[in-house]
PDB file of N, CA and C in Angstrom:
ATOM      1  N   MET A   1     -15.348  -7.584   2.204  1.00  0.00           N
ATOM      2  CA  MET A   1     -14.401  -6.623   1.620  1.00  0.00           C
ATOM      3  C   MET A   1     -15.132  -5.231   1.754  1.00  0.00           C
ATOM      4  N   THR A   2     -14.337  -4.281   2.236  1.00  0.00           N
ATOM      5  CA  THR A   2     -14.834  -2.959   2.268  1.00  0.00           C
ATOM      6  C   THR A   2     -13.924  -2.003   1.495  1.00  0.00           C
ATOM      7  N   ALA A   3     -14.571  -0.989   0.968  1.00  0.00           N
ATOM      8  CA  ALA A   3     -13.831   0.047   0.210  1.00  0.00           C
ATOM      9  C   ALA A   3     -13.944   1.306   1.014  1.00  0.00           C
ATOM     10  N   THR A   4     -12.771   1.961   1.230  1.00  0.00           N
ATOM     11  CA  THR A   4     -12.726   3.190   2.066  1.00  0.00           C
ATOM     12  C   THR A   4     -12.081   4.246   1.211  1.00  0.00           C
ATOM     13  N   LEU A   5     -12.665   5.478   1.176  1.00  0.00           N
ATOM     14  CA  LEU A   5     -12.093   6.585   0.521  1.00  0.00           C
ATOM     15  C   LEU A   5     -11.899   7.663   1.551  1.00  0.00           C
ATOM     16  N   TRP A   6     -10.610   7.968   1.830  1.00  0.00           N
ATOM     17  CA  TRP A   6     -10.246   8.923   2.902  1.00  0.00           C
ATOM     18  C   TRP A   6      -9.533  10.104   2.282  1.00  0.00           C
ATOM     19  N   MET A   7      -9.892  11.311   2.661  1.00  0.00           N
ATOM     20  CA  MET A   7      -9.339  12.516   2.125  1.00  0.00           C
ATOM     21  C   MET A   7      -8.180  12.929   3.015  1.00  0.00           C
ATOM     22  N   ASP A   8      -6.897  12.705   2.560  1.00  0.00           N
ATOM     23  CA  ASP A   8      -5.759  13.169   3.203  1.00  0.00           C
ATOM     24  C   ASP A   8      -5.318  14.422   2.454  1.00  0.00           C
ATOM     25  N   SER A   9      -4.081  14.571   2.038  1.00  0.00           N
ATOM     26  CA  SER A   9      -3.775  15.658   1.162  1.00  0.00           C
ATOM     27  C   SER A   9      -4.326  15.462  -0.245  1.00  0.00           C
ATOM     28  N   LYS A  10      -4.388  14.143  -0.557  1.00  0.00           N
ATOM     29  CA  LYS A  10      -5.106  13.679  -1.810  1.00  0.00           C
ATOM     30  C   LYS A  10      -6.084  12.583  -1.443  1.00  0.00           C
ATOM     31  N   PRO A  11      -6.996  12.257  -2.229  1.00  0.00           N
ATOM     32  CA  PRO A  11      -7.821  11.124  -1.874  1.00  0.00           C
ATOM     33  C   PRO A  11      -7.113   9.811  -1.895  1.00  0.00           C
ATOM     34  N   VAL A  12      -7.386   9.015  -0.803  1.00  0.00           N
ATOM     35  CA  VAL A  12      -6.746   7.716  -0.608  1.00  0.00           C
ATOM     36  C   VAL A  12      -7.772   6.647  -0.713  1.00  0.00           C
ATOM     37  N   ALA A  13      -7.747   5.724  -1.593  1.00  0.00           N
ATOM     38  CA  ALA A  13      -8.753   4.635  -1.732  1.00  0.00           C
ATOM     39  C   ALA A  13      -8.120   3.299  -1.355  1.00  0.00           C
ATOM     40  N   ILE A  14      -8.765   2.564  -0.428  1.00  0.00           N
ATOM     41  CA  ILE A  14      -8.235   1.362   0.129  1.00  0.00           C
ATOM     42  C   ILE A  14      -9.333   0.311   0.096  1.00  0.00           C
ATOM     43  N   LEU A  15      -8.928  -0.940  -0.372  1.00  0.00           N
ATOM     44  CA  LEU A  15      -9.809  -2.093  -0.172  1.00  0.00           C
ATOM     45  C   LEU A  15      -9.275  -2.894   0.913  1.00  0.00           C
ATOM     46  N   SER A  16     -10.091  -3.319   1.846  1.00  0.00           N
ATOM     47  CA  SER A  16      -9.616  -4.097   3.030  1.00  0.00           C
ATOM     48  C   SER A  16     -10.604  -5.225   3.346  1.00  0.00           C
ATOM     49  N   THR A  17     -10.026  -6.321   3.814  1.00  0.00           N
ATOM     50  CA  THR A  17     -10.865  -7.407   4.284  1.00  0.00           C
ATOM     51  C   THR A  17     -10.811  -7.579   5.771  1.00  0.00           C
ATOM     52  N   THR A  18     -10.036  -6.701   6.533  1.00  0.00           N
ATOM     53  CA  THR A  18      -9.863  -6.894   7.900  1.00  0.00           C
ATOM     54  C   THR A  18     -10.415  -5.754   8.715  1.00  0.00           C
ATOM     55  N   ALA A  19     -10.635  -4.618   8.095  1.00  0.00           N
ATOM     56  CA  ALA A  19     -10.988  -3.408   8.898  1.00  0.00           C
ATOM     57  C   ALA A  19     -12.415  -2.981   8.645  1.00  0.00           C
ATOM     58  N   SER A  20     -13.004  -2.409   9.626  1.00  0.00           N
ATOM     59  CA  SER A  20     -14.330  -1.841   9.547  1.00  0.00           C
ATOM     60  C   SER A  20     -14.209  -0.408   8.945  1.00  0.00           C
ATOM     61  N   PRO A  21     -15.038  -0.030   7.972  1.00  0.00           N
ATOM     62  CA  PRO A  21     -14.887   1.262   7.381  1.00  0.00           C
ATOM     63  C   PRO A  21     -15.376   2.370   8.334  1.00  0.00           C
ATOM     64  N   LEU A  22     -16.174   2.016   9.277  1.00  0.00           N
ATOM     65  CA  LEU A  22     -16.787   3.001  10.211  1.00  0.00           C
ATOM     66  C   LEU A  22     -15.894   3.320  11.439  1.00  0.00           C
ATOM     67  N   GLN A  23     -15.069   2.327  11.754  1.00  0.00           N
ATOM     68  CA  GLN A  23     -14.268   2.462  12.993  1.00  0.00           C
ATOM     69  C   GLN A  23     -13.033   3.240  12.687  1.00  0.00           C
ATOM     70  N   MET A  24     -12.790   4.300  13.453  1.00  0.00           N
ATOM     71  CA  MET A  24     -11.614   5.116  13.347  1.00  0.00           C
ATOM     72  C   MET A  24     -10.563   4.565  14.270  1.00  0.00           C
ATOM     73  N   SER A  25      -9.319   4.405  13.806  1.00  0.00           N
ATOM     74  CA  SER A  25      -8.294   3.718  14.633  1.00  0.00           C
ATOM     75  C   SER A  25      -7.616   4.784  15.488  1.00  0.00           C
ATOM     76  N   SER A  26      -7.337   5.961  15.031  1.00  0.00           N
ATOM     77  CA  SER A  26      -6.617   6.956  15.825  1.00  0.00           C
ATOM     78  C   SER A  26      -6.847   8.347  15.133  1.00  0.00           C
ATOM     79  N   ASN A  27      -6.377   9.281  15.903  1.00  0.00           N
ATOM     80  CA  ASN A  27      -6.282  10.675  15.312  1.00  0.00           C
ATOM     81  C   ASN A  27      -4.841  10.979  14.979  1.00  0.00           C
ATOM     82  N   ILE A  28      -4.656  11.614  13.859  1.00  0.00           N
ATOM     83  CA  ILE A  28      -3.302  12.017  13.548  1.00  0.00           C
ATOM     84  C   ILE A  28      -3.276  13.573  13.326  1.00  0.00           C
ATOM     85  N   SER A  29      -2.143  14.195  13.548  1.00  0.00           N
ATOM     86  CA  SER A  29      -2.093  15.607  13.434  1.00  0.00           C
ATOM     87  C   SER A  29      -1.611  16.048  12.071  1.00  0.00           C
ATOM     88  N   ARG A  30      -2.244  17.017  11.481  1.00  0.00           N
ATOM     89  CA  ARG A  30      -1.791  17.590  10.255  1.00  0.00           C
ATOM     90  C   ARG A  30      -1.539  19.116  10.448  1.00  0.00           C
ATOM     91  N   ARG A  31      -0.523  19.625   9.779  1.00  0.00           N
ATOM     92  CA  ARG A  31      -0.203  21.054   9.863  1.00  0.00           C
ATOM     93  C   ARG A  31      -0.933  21.766   8.763  1.00  0.00           C
ATOM     94  N   LEU A  32      -1.548  22.855   9.119  1.00  0.00           N
ATOM     95  CA  LEU A  32      -2.255  23.691   8.156  1.00  0.00           C
ATOM     96  C   LEU A  32      -1.337  24.687   7.591  1.00  0.00           C
ATOM     97  N   LYS A  33      -1.789  25.413   6.588  1.00  0.00           N
ATOM     98  CA  LYS A  33      -0.847  26.408   5.913  1.00  0.00           C
ATOM     99  C   LYS A  33      -0.491  27.549   6.778  1.00  0.00           C
ATOM    100  N   ASP A  34      -1.327  27.891   7.786  1.00  0.00           N
ATOM    101  CA  ASP A  34      -0.960  28.946   8.706  1.00  0.00           C
ATOM    102  C   ASP A  34      -0.083  28.538   9.838  1.00  0.00           C
ATOM    103  N   GLY A  35       0.295  27.254   9.882  1.00  0.00           N
ATOM    104  CA  GLY A  35       1.256  26.772  10.883  1.00  0.00           C
ATOM    105  C   GLY A  35       0.567  26.041  12.053  1.00  0.00           C
ATOM    106  N   SER A  36      -0.712  26.184  12.179  1.00  0.00           N
ATOM    107  CA  SER A  36      -1.399  25.490  13.313  1.00  0.00           C
ATOM    108  C   SER A  36      -1.619  23.982  13.002  1.00  0.00           C
ATOM    109  N   ASN A  37      -1.805  23.180  13.976  1.00  0.00           N
ATOM    110  CA  ASN A  37      -2.009  21.750  13.855  1.00  0.00           C
ATOM    111  C   ASN A  37      -3.453  21.471  14.113  1.00  0.00           C
ATOM    112  N   VAL A  38      -3.984  20.525  13.354  1.00  0.00           N
ATOM    113  CA  VAL A  38      -5.367  20.065  13.521  1.00  0.00           C
ATOM    114  C   VAL A  38      -5.308  18.552  13.676  1.00  0.00           C
ATOM    115  N   SER A  39      -6.218  17.966  14.458  1.00  0.00           N
ATOM    116  CA  SER A  39      -6.363  16.563  14.676  1.00  0.00           C
ATOM    117  C   SER A  39      -7.375  16.028  13.693  1.00  0.00           C
ATOM    118  N   VAL A  40      -6.972  14.997  12.907  1.00  0.00           N
ATOM    119  CA  VAL A  40      -7.798  14.411  11.894  1.00  0.00           C
ATOM    120  C   VAL A  40      -8.036  12.924  12.237  1.00  0.00           C
ATOM    121  N   PRO A  41      -9.268  12.420  12.237  1.00  0.00           N
ATOM    122  CA  PRO A  41      -9.457  10.983  12.452  1.00  0.00           C
ATOM    123  C   PRO A  41      -9.046  10.170  11.266  1.00  0.00           C
ATOM    124  N   ARG A  42      -8.429   9.073  11.543  1.00  0.00           N
ATOM    125  CA  ARG A  42      -7.889   8.182  10.479  1.00  0.00           C
ATOM    126  C   ARG A  42      -8.615   6.828  10.505  1.00  0.00           C
ATOM    127  N   PRO A  43      -9.183   6.365   9.420  1.00  0.00           N
ATOM    128  CA  PRO A  43      -9.907   5.052   9.394  1.00  0.00           C
ATOM    129  C   PRO A  43      -8.966   3.902   9.724  1.00  0.00           C
ATOM    130  N   GLN A  44      -9.492   2.843  10.312  1.00  0.00           N
ATOM    131  CA  GLN A  44      -8.748   1.691  10.662  1.00  0.00           C
ATOM    132  C   GLN A  44      -7.925   1.034   9.527  1.00  0.00           C
ATOM    133  N   SER A  45      -8.578   1.023   8.361  1.00  0.00           N
ATOM    134  CA  SER A  45      -7.916   0.369   7.180  1.00  0.00           C
ATOM    135  C   SER A  45      -6.648   1.215   6.786  1.00  0.00           C
ATOM    136  N   VAL A  46      -6.708   2.496   6.865  1.00  0.00           N
ATOM    137  CA  VAL A  46      -5.588   3.359   6.491  1.00  0.00           C
ATOM    138  C   VAL A  46      -4.452   3.172   7.563  1.00  0.00           C
ATOM    139  N   GLY A  47      -4.805   3.038   8.832  1.00  0.00           N
ATOM    140  CA  GLY A  47      -3.849   2.705   9.861  1.00  0.00           C
ATOM    141  C   GLY A  47      -3.122   1.403   9.598  1.00  0.00           C
ATOM    142  N   HIS A  48      -3.897   0.390   9.262  1.00  0.00           N
ATOM    143  CA  HIS A  48      -3.279  -0.961   8.888  1.00  0.00           C
ATOM    144  C   HIS A  48      -2.274  -0.809   7.701  1.00  0.00           C
ATOM    145  N   TYR A  49      -2.710  -0.133   6.671  1.00  0.00           N
ATOM    146  CA  TYR A  49      -1.907   0.012   5.545  1.00  0.00           C
ATOM    147  C   TYR A  49      -0.600   0.758   5.828  1.00  0.00           C
ATOM    148  N   GLN A  50      -0.640   1.826   6.619  1.00  0.00           N
ATOM    149  CA  GLN A  50       0.522   2.638   6.910  1.00  0.00           C
ATOM    150  C   GLN A  50       1.484   1.888   7.864  1.00  0.00           C
ATOM    151  N   SER A  51       0.968   0.959   8.627  1.00  0.00           N
ATOM    152  CA  SER A  51       1.896   0.229   9.557  1.00  0.00           C
ATOM    153  C   SER A  51       2.545  -0.960   8.858  1.00  0.00           C
ATOM    154  N   PHE A  52       2.005  -1.403   7.757  1.00  0.00           N
ATOM    155  CA  PHE A  52       2.512  -2.638   7.108  1.00  0.00           C
ATOM    156  C   PHE A  52       3.008  -2.405   5.637  1.00  0.00           C
ATOM    157  N   PHE A  53       2.973  -1.195   5.117  1.00  0.00           N
ATOM    158  CA  PHE A  53       3.428  -1.020   3.756  1.00  0.00           C
ATOM    159  C   PHE A  53       4.844  -1.066   3.565  1.00  0.00           C
ATOM    160  N   ARG A  54       5.670  -1.030   4.554  1.00  0.00           N
ATOM    161  CA  ARG A  54       7.158  -1.081   4.372  1.00  0.00           C
ATOM    162  C   ARG A  54       7.578  -2.427   3.754  1.00  0.00           C
ATOM    163  N   GLY A  55       6.918  -3.528   4.158  1.00  0.00           N
ATOM    164  CA  GLY A  55       7.264  -4.835   3.568  1.00  0.00           C
ATOM    165  C   GLY A  55       6.974  -4.864   2.074  1.00  0.00           C
ATOM    166  N   VAL A  56       5.944  -4.226   1.679  1.00  0.00           N
ATOM    167  CA  VAL A  56       5.526  -4.207   0.215  1.00  0.00           C
ATOM    168  C   VAL A  56       6.619  -3.378  -0.543  1.00  0.00           C
ATOM    169  N   ASP A  57       7.057  -2.305   0.036  1.00  0.00           N
ATOM    170  CA  ASP A  57       8.042  -1.521  -0.683  1.00  0.00           C
ATOM    171  C   ASP A  57       9.378  -2.228  -0.816  1.00  0.00           C
ATOM    172  N   ILE A  58       9.821  -2.975   0.216  1.00  0.00           N
ATOM    173  CA  ILE A  58      11.000  -3.753   0.204  1.00  0.00           C
ATOM    174  C   ILE A  58      10.873  -4.836  -0.878  1.00  0.00           C
ATOM    175  N   PHE A  59       9.709  -5.503  -0.863  1.00  0.00           N
ATOM    176  CA  PHE A  59       9.515  -6.584  -1.902  1.00  0.00           C
ATOM    177  C   PHE A  59       9.627  -5.978  -3.298  1.00  0.00           C
ATOM    178  N   ASP A  60       9.039  -4.851  -3.561  1.00  0.00           N
ATOM    179  CA  ASP A  60       9.102  -4.204  -4.904  1.00  0.00           C
ATOM    180  C   ASP A  60      10.504  -3.805  -5.241  1.00  0.00           C
ATOM    181  N   GLN A  61      11.286  -3.448  -4.313  1.00  0.00           N
ATOM    182  CA  GLN A  61      12.747  -3.077  -4.566  1.00  0.00           C
ATOM    183  C   GLN A  61      13.450  -4.325  -4.975  1.00  0.00           C
ATOM    184  N   PHE A  62      13.291  -5.453  -4.281  1.00  0.00           N
ATOM    185  CA  PHE A  62      13.976  -6.696  -4.646  1.00  0.00           C
ATOM    186  C   PHE A  62      13.499  -7.183  -5.988  1.00  0.00           C
ATOM    187  N   ARG A  63      12.205  -7.096  -6.236  1.00  0.00           N
ATOM    188  CA  ARG A  63      11.690  -7.606  -7.484  1.00  0.00           C
ATOM    189  C   ARG A  63      12.185  -6.887  -8.673  1.00  0.00           C
ATOM    190  N   SER A  64      12.451  -5.582  -8.522  1.00  0.00           N
ATOM    191  CA  SER A  64      12.928  -4.773  -9.597  1.00  0.00           C
ATOM    192  C   SER A  64      14.383  -5.140  -9.943  1.00  0.00           C
ATOM    193  N   LYS A  65      15.205  -5.571  -9.007  1.00  0.00           N
ATOM    194  CA  LYS A  65      16.574  -5.882  -9.262  1.00  0.00           C
ATOM    195  C   LYS A  65      16.777  -7.241  -9.950  1.00  0.00           C
ATOM    196  N   TYR A  66      15.896  -8.215  -9.656  1.00  0.00           N
ATOM    197  CA  TYR A  66      16.020  -9.552 -10.158  1.00  0.00           C
ATOM    198  C   TYR A  66      14.877  -9.816 -11.091  1.00  0.00           C
ATOM    199  N   SER A  67      14.934  -9.653 -12.368  1.00  0.00           N
ATOM    200  CA  SER A  67      13.893  -9.953 -13.271  1.00  0.00           C
ATOM    201  C   SER A  67      13.851 -11.453 -13.592  1.00  0.00           C
ATOM    202  N   VAL A  68      12.820 -12.126 -13.314  1.00  0.00           N
ATOM    203  CA  VAL A  68      12.750 -13.568 -13.429  1.00  0.00           C
ATOM    204  C   VAL A  68      12.074 -13.941 -14.746  1.00  0.00           C
ATOM    205  N   GLY A  69      10.885 -13.372 -15.070  1.00  0.00           N
ATOM    206  CA  GLY A  69      10.155 -13.769 -16.217  1.00  0.00           C
ATOM    207  C   GLY A  69      10.535 -12.940 -17.431  1.00  0.00           C
ATOM    208  N   ARG A  70      11.524 -13.307 -18.151  1.00  0.00           N
ATOM    209  CA  ARG A  70      11.818 -12.639 -19.341  1.00  0.00           C
ATOM    210  C   ARG A  70      10.996 -13.105 -20.502  1.00  0.00           C
ATOM    211  N   PRO A  71      10.371 -12.280 -21.268  1.00  0.00           N
ATOM    212  CA  PRO A  71       9.524 -12.803 -22.325  1.00  0.00           C
ATOM    213  C   PRO A  71      10.379 -13.492 -23.406  1.00  0.00           C
ATOM    214  N   SER A  72       9.927 -14.649 -23.810  1.00  0.00           N
ATOM    215  CA  SER A  72      10.648 -15.408 -24.808  1.00  0.00           C
ATOM    216  C   SER A  72       9.596 -16.126 -25.707  1.00  0.00           C
ATOM    217  N   LYS A  73       9.864 -16.254 -26.932  1.00  0.00           N
ATOM    218  CA  LYS A  73       9.007 -16.995 -27.847  1.00  0.00           C
ATOM    219  C   LYS A  73       9.183 -18.407 -27.733  1.00  0.00           C
ATOM    220  N   LYS A  74      10.306 -18.868 -27.208  1.00  0.00           N
ATOM    221  CA  LYS A  74      10.522 -20.267 -26.998  1.00  0.00           C
ATOM    222  C   LYS A  74      10.287 -20.665 -25.629  1.00  0.00           C
ATOM    223  N   TRP A  75       9.229 -21.440 -25.328  1.00  0.00           N
ATOM    224  CA  TRP A  75       8.753 -21.738 -24.006  1.00  0.00           C
ATOM    225  C   TRP A  75       9.803 -22.481 -23.189  1.00  0.00           C
ATOM    226  N   TRP A  76      10.659 -23.268 -23.855  1.00  0.00           N
ATOM    227  CA  TRP A  76      11.629 -24.076 -23.117  1.00  0.00           C
ATOM    228  C   TRP A  76      12.639 -23.126 -22.416  1.00  0.00           C
ATOM    229  N   LYS A  77      12.985 -21.995 -23.031  1.00  0.00           N
ATOM    230  CA  LYS A  77      13.907 -21.064 -22.408  1.00  0.00           C
ATOM    231  C   LYS A  77      13.323 -20.509 -21.123  1.00  0.00           C
ATOM    232  N   TYR A  78      12.022 -20.215 -21.076  1.00  0.00           N
ATOM    233  CA  TYR A  78      11.365 -19.682 -19.927  1.00  0.00           C
ATOM    234  C   TYR A  78      11.355 -20.731 -18.801  1.00  0.00           C
ATOM    235  N   VAL A  79      11.141 -21.996 -19.142  1.00  0.00           N
ATOM    236  CA  VAL A  79      11.155 -23.075 -18.145  1.00  0.00           C
ATOM    237  C   VAL A  79      12.623 -23.227 -17.551  1.00  0.00           C
ATOM    238  N   ILE A  80      13.573 -23.194 -18.354  1.00  0.00           N
ATOM    239  CA  ILE A  80      14.984 -23.345 -17.879  1.00  0.00           C
ATOM    240  C   ILE A  80      15.388 -22.172 -17.028  1.00  0.00           C
ATOM    241  N   TYR A  81      15.134 -20.964 -17.383  1.00  0.00           N
ATOM    242  CA  TYR A  81      15.511 -19.721 -16.626  1.00  0.00           C
ATOM    243  C   TYR A  81      14.784 -19.658 -15.282  1.00  0.00           C
ATOM    244  N   THR A  82      13.483 -20.088 -15.200  1.00  0.00           N
ATOM    245  CA  THR A  82      12.758 -19.971 -13.945  1.00  0.00           C
ATOM    246  C   THR A  82      13.063 -21.113 -12.994  1.00  0.00           C
ATOM    247  N   SER A  83      13.574 -22.208 -13.522  1.00  0.00           N
ATOM    248  CA  SER A  83      13.813 -23.321 -12.571  1.00  0.00           C
ATOM    249  C   SER A  83      15.249 -23.218 -11.980  1.00  0.00           C
ATOM    250  N   CYS A  84      16.115 -22.373 -12.511  1.00  0.00           N
ATOM    251  CA  CYS A  84      17.460 -22.268 -11.965  1.00  0.00           C
ATOM    252  C   CYS A  84      17.565 -21.368 -10.801  1.00  0.00           C
TER     253      CYS A  84
END
């Protein structure tokens, strides 16, 4: 497991089990305040996250619509609601 801290517009911290922290995956362009573009190296773990985070966002949207685990003091209600 590797921890990577990359400075984009804000610091981005990522834990990864598949990417090397020293290997840069690609260069991305960022626009400066004066309008010029600069090429910034992006770590491999950040590239993996940006290419696959869409599925996590969709899952979070679905999960927020359908609440499954409602807190209840009676355990049998929880069993009945989750099994249906």
